[in-house]
Amino acid sequence: MTNLSVNINKIATLRNARGGDNPNVLQVALDCERFGAQGITVHPRPDERHIRRKDVFDLRPRLTTEFNIEGYPSPEFIELVTQVVPNQVTLVPDDPLQITSNHGWDTKAHTSFLTEVTGRFHEKGIRVSIFTDPSEEMVEYASQTGADRVELYTEPYASLYSKDRALAIEPFVRAGERAKALGLGLNMGHDLSLENLRYMHERMPYVDECSIGHALVCDALYLGLEETIHRYLACLNDPTP
């Protein structure tokens, strides 16, 4: 079974736009769990434009599913993660000013750095996933860092899906199969949606986890959060169209 981890950054963005605590980030996270999501993802950035440090500390003791924290491994991020001790940390190569993640690590160029950071998190018993492009070479170098998983950056798949879905998924299949052959767990994330998720899962049923935020929150505006989560779960676990 492929787990669904709901990225709640957009909920925090909406809250921060008006100030106060509406919508309540913690309550939405708990509702996602109650509706069937198997994990919650957050990506705290230095400017706290969506998820805040306080949110991370508030969420940790209340969540009953897997807690995944994404981010660039700056000293401040490493300190936060080692204090909170989530189930998983996903290392992304974001510049602090980026609106959203838009590429994976060059794991060949950064092998030493990623190995050191992975070791720090392993000392705390935290599973480490490295965000990579769908490249067999990048996956191979990621495996040399001691990481437990890779997360493949799926925006290229989503962009090409409507034109040629078979062509769009091929590099991900190759990279995913290489990851599994190397003993790595496999996550997927970025721009996955109700339109493209089922086909991805049909071709790659061995994916461990999909982290989905923006599209899921947009769908929830029309369908409601509970129905939306049920539909995403069906894409991942229901073999029928």
Protein backbone atom coordinates (compact mmCIF):
# COMPACT_ATOMS: atom_id res chain seq x y z
CA MET A 1 0.00 0.00 0.00
CA THR A 2 1.17 3.52 -0.81
CA ASN A 3 0.64 5.98 2.03
CA LEU A 4 -0.81 9.45 1.57
CA SER A 5 0.97 12.20 3.48
CA VAL A 6 -0.93 15.49 3.37
CA ASN A 7 1.23 18.59 3.14
CA ILE A 8 -0.58 21.26 5.17
CA ASN A 9 1.58 24.25 4.21
CA LYS A 10 -1.28 25.83 2.24
CA ILE A 11 -3.51 25.69 5.31
CA ALA A 12 -0.89 27.71 7.18
CA THR A 13 -0.62 30.12 4.25
CA LEU A 14 -4.35 30.80 4.46
CA ARG A 15 -4.16 31.32 8.23
CA ASN A 16 -1.22 33.69 7.96
CA ALA A 17 -2.91 35.79 5.28
CA ARG A 18 -5.40 37.11 7.80
CA GLY A 19 -3.60 36.63 11.10
CA GLY A 20 -5.16 34.87 14.04
CA ASP A 21 -5.67 31.14 14.07
CA ASN A 22 -8.32 30.46 11.42
CA PRO A 23 -8.03 27.91 9.93
CA ASN A 24 -6.39 26.09 12.80
CA VAL A 25 -3.41 24.17 11.42
CA LEU A 26 -3.38 21.55 14.15
CA GLN A 27 -7.09 20.82 13.80
CA VAL A 28 -6.82 20.42 10.04
CA ALA A 29 -3.92 18.01 10.50
CA LEU A 30 -5.93 15.95 12.99
CA ASP A 31 -8.91 15.97 10.63
CA CYS A 32 -6.69 14.71 7.79
CA GLU A 33 -5.67 11.81 10.00
CA ARG A 34 -9.26 11.16 11.00
CA PHE A 35 -10.32 11.07 7.35
CA GLY A 36 -7.71 8.42 6.55
CA ALA A 37 -4.42 10.12 5.65
CA GLN A 38 -1.45 8.08 6.83
CA GLY A 39 0.87 11.03 7.36
CA ILE A 40 1.26 14.78 7.71
CA THR A 41 3.99 16.78 5.96
CA VAL A 42 5.20 20.29 6.75
CA HIS A 43 7.90 22.40 5.15
CA PRO A 44 8.93 25.18 7.53
CA ARG A 45 10.90 27.92 5.81
CA PRO A 46 13.12 30.52 7.49
CA ASP A 47 10.66 33.38 6.92
CA GLU A 48 7.76 31.36 8.38
CA ARG A 49 5.52 32.44 5.50
CA HIS A 50 3.39 29.37 6.06
CA ILE A 51 4.36 26.73 8.64
CA ARG A 52 5.90 28.28 11.74
CA ARG A 53 8.32 26.71 14.19
CA LYS A 54 5.57 26.77 16.80
CA ASP A 55 3.33 24.75 14.48
CA VAL A 56 5.97 22.05 14.26
CA PHE A 57 6.21 21.75 18.04
CA ASP A 58 2.42 21.86 18.42
CA LEU A 59 1.89 19.10 15.87
CA ARG A 60 4.45 16.57 17.09
CA PRO A 61 2.77 15.37 20.31
CA ARG A 62 -0.73 15.29 18.82
CA LEU A 63 -0.22 13.42 15.56
CA THR A 64 -0.81 9.68 15.53
CA THR A 65 0.37 9.03 11.96
CA GLU A 66 3.76 9.63 10.39
CA PHE A 67 5.14 13.13 10.72
CA ASN A 68 7.41 14.26 7.88
CA ILE A 69 9.35 17.53 8.00
CA GLU A 70 10.80 18.83 4.73
CA GLY A 71 13.44 21.49 4.37
CA TYR A 72 16.90 22.62 3.46
CA PRO A 73 19.34 21.30 6.10
CA SER A 74 20.59 24.62 7.43
CA PRO A 75 21.89 24.69 11.02
CA GLU A 76 18.54 26.12 12.16
CA PHE A 77 16.59 23.41 10.35
CA ILE A 78 18.79 20.65 11.74
CA GLU A 79 18.30 22.03 15.25
CA LEU A 80 14.52 22.14 14.81
CA VAL A 81 14.29 18.59 13.47
CA THR A 82 16.55 17.09 16.11
CA GLN A 83 14.47 18.74 18.83
CA VAL A 84 11.13 17.62 17.41
CA VAL A 85 12.26 14.15 16.24
CA PRO A 86 9.68 13.43 13.52
CA ASN A 87 9.31 10.02 11.92
CA GLN A 88 10.92 11.26 8.72
CA VAL A 89 12.92 14.22 7.48
CA THR A 90 13.03 15.01 3.77
CA LEU A 91 16.08 16.97 2.66
CA VAL A 92 15.39 19.46 -0.14
CA PRO A 93 17.87 21.83 -1.86
CA ASP A 94 15.66 24.92 -1.56
CA ASP A 95 16.95 28.45 -1.59
CA PRO A 96 15.24 30.35 1.28
CA LEU A 97 13.52 32.68 -1.20
CA GLN A 98 12.03 29.95 -3.41
CA ILE A 99 8.25 29.90 -3.63
CA THR A 100 8.28 26.11 -3.77
CA SER A 101 10.70 23.27 -4.48
CA ASN A 102 11.63 23.12 -8.15
CA HIS A 103 14.48 20.61 -8.43
CA GLY A 104 16.17 17.78 -6.62
CA TRP A 105 19.64 17.52 -5.13
CA ASP A 106 22.73 17.01 -7.22
CA THR A 107 23.59 14.10 -4.97
CA LYS A 108 26.90 13.50 -6.75
CA ALA A 109 28.16 17.00 -5.98
CA HIS A 110 26.78 17.03 -2.45
CA THR A 111 27.43 13.44 -1.34
CA SER A 112 29.70 14.40 1.56
CA PHE A 113 27.35 17.09 2.89
CA LEU A 114 24.27 14.86 2.63
CA THR A 115 26.13 11.97 4.27
CA GLU A 116 27.05 14.16 7.23
CA VAL A 117 23.50 15.49 7.62
CA THR A 118 21.97 12.04 7.27
CA GLY A 119 24.23 10.78 10.04
CA ARG A 120 23.08 13.59 12.33
CA PHE A 121 19.45 12.63 11.89
CA HIS A 122 20.13 8.92 12.18
CA GLU A 123 21.64 9.56 15.60
CA LYS A 124 18.14 10.65 16.64
CA GLY A 125 16.48 7.65 15.00
CA ILE A 126 14.89 9.75 12.25
CA ARG A 127 14.31 8.22 8.81
CA VAL A 128 15.98 10.30 6.08
CA SER A 129 14.63 10.85 2.58
CA ILE A 130 16.54 12.84 -0.06
CA PHE A 131 14.65 14.83 -2.68
CA THR A 132 16.02 14.01 -6.13
CA ASP A 133 15.18 14.40 -9.78
CA PRO A 134 14.12 11.20 -11.61
CA SER A 135 17.68 10.24 -12.47
CA GLU A 136 19.19 6.82 -11.87
CA GLU A 137 22.58 8.46 -11.28
CA MET A 138 21.19 10.83 -8.64
CA VAL A 139 19.44 7.92 -6.94
CA GLU A 140 22.67 5.92 -6.90
CA TYR A 141 24.61 8.73 -5.25
CA ALA A 142 21.76 9.28 -2.79
CA SER A 143 22.15 5.67 -1.70
CA GLN A 144 25.80 6.36 -0.88
CA THR A 145 24.82 8.94 1.74
CA GLY A 146 23.20 6.34 3.98
CA ALA A 147 19.72 7.78 3.41
CA ASP A 148 16.76 5.46 3.87
CA ARG A 149 14.64 6.76 1.01
CA VAL A 150 14.56 9.08 -1.96
CA GLU A 151 11.64 11.29 -2.93
CA LEU A 152 11.36 11.79 -6.66
CA TYR A 153 10.42 15.31 -7.77
CA THR A 154 7.29 14.73 -9.85
CA GLU A 155 6.59 18.14 -11.42
CA PRO A 156 8.04 17.03 -14.79
CA TYR A 157 5.65 14.07 -14.76
CA ALA A 158 2.68 16.28 -13.94
CA SER A 159 3.59 18.80 -16.66
CA LEU A 160 3.86 16.19 -19.41
CA TYR A 161 1.03 13.94 -18.23
CA SER A 162 -1.76 15.44 -20.36
CA LYS A 163 0.35 15.22 -23.53
CA ASP A 164 1.92 11.77 -23.17
CA ARG A 165 1.51 10.05 -19.83
CA ALA A 166 3.51 6.98 -20.85
CA LEU A 167 6.48 9.13 -21.81
CA ALA A 168 6.04 11.25 -18.69
CA ILE A 169 6.26 8.34 -16.28
CA GLU A 170 9.18 6.45 -17.88
CA PRO A 171 12.11 8.24 -16.17
CA PHE A 172 10.33 7.84 -12.84
CA VAL A 173 9.86 4.12 -13.39
CA ARG A 174 13.54 3.72 -14.18
CA ALA A 175 14.66 5.80 -11.20
CA GLY A 176 12.15 4.09 -8.91
CA GLU A 177 13.24 0.61 -9.93
CA ARG A 178 16.86 1.61 -9.40
CA ALA A 179 16.02 2.88 -5.92
CA LYS A 180 14.31 -0.36 -4.98
CA ALA A 181 17.22 -2.39 -6.37
CA LEU A 182 19.56 -0.40 -4.12
CA GLY A 183 17.39 -1.08 -1.09
CA LEU A 184 16.02 2.44 -0.82
CA GLY A 185 12.46 3.29 0.10
CA LEU A 186 10.65 5.42 -2.46
CA ASN A 187 8.53 8.54 -2.00
CA MET A 188 6.98 10.79 -4.63
CA GLY A 189 5.90 14.39 -4.44
CA HIS A 190 5.12 17.71 -6.15
CA ASP A 191 2.15 18.54 -8.40
CA LEU A 192 0.54 15.13 -7.97
CA SER A 193 -3.23 15.42 -8.29
CA LEU A 194 -6.46 13.51 -8.82
CA GLU A 195 -5.77 13.76 -12.54
CA ASN A 196 -2.38 12.07 -12.59
CA LEU A 197 -2.02 10.11 -9.35
CA ARG A 198 -3.84 6.89 -10.27
CA TYR A 199 -1.77 6.27 -13.40
CA MET A 200 1.46 6.90 -11.50
CA HIS A 201 0.42 4.32 -8.95
CA GLU A 202 -0.59 1.80 -11.60
CA ARG A 203 2.89 2.01 -13.09
CA MET A 204 4.70 2.26 -9.75
CA PRO A 205 2.68 0.36 -7.12
CA TYR A 206 5.80 -0.08 -4.99
CA VAL A 207 5.96 3.61 -4.01
CA ASP A 208 5.97 3.91 -0.22
CA GLU A 209 4.51 7.39 0.17
CA CYS A 210 3.11 10.30 -1.82
CA SER A 211 3.28 13.75 -0.27
CA ILE A 212 0.53 15.99 -1.68
CA GLY A 213 -0.49 19.47 -0.61
CA HIS A 214 -1.39 22.17 -3.11
CA ALA A 215 -3.71 20.18 -5.38
CA LEU A 216 -5.33 18.40 -2.45
CA VAL A 217 -6.14 21.65 -0.66
CA CYS A 218 -7.50 23.17 -3.89
CA ASP A 219 -9.74 20.13 -4.43
CA ALA A 220 -10.96 20.38 -0.85
CA LEU A 221 -12.41 23.83 -1.59
CA TYR A 222 -14.90 22.16 -3.92
CA LEU A 223 -15.23 18.62 -2.58
CA GLY A 224 -14.66 19.10 1.13
CA LEU A 225 -11.61 17.80 2.95
CA GLU A 226 -12.98 14.38 3.87
CA GLU A 227 -14.21 13.53 0.37
CA THR A 228 -10.97 14.83 -1.14
CA ILE A 229 -8.80 12.63 1.05
CA HIS A 230 -10.98 9.62 0.28
CA ARG A 231 -10.55 10.25 -3.45
CA TYR A 232 -6.78 10.53 -3.18
CA LEU A 233 -6.63 7.35 -1.12
CA ALA A 234 -8.73 5.59 -3.77
CA CYS A 235 -6.18 6.58 -6.43
CA LEU A 236 -3.47 4.92 -4.38
CA ASN A 237 -5.28 1.81 -3.23
CA ASP A 238 -8.34 1.13 -5.40
CA PRO A 239 -7.51 -0.85 -8.55
CA THR A 240 -10.72 0.15 -10.30
CA PRO A 241 -10.86 3.29 -12.52
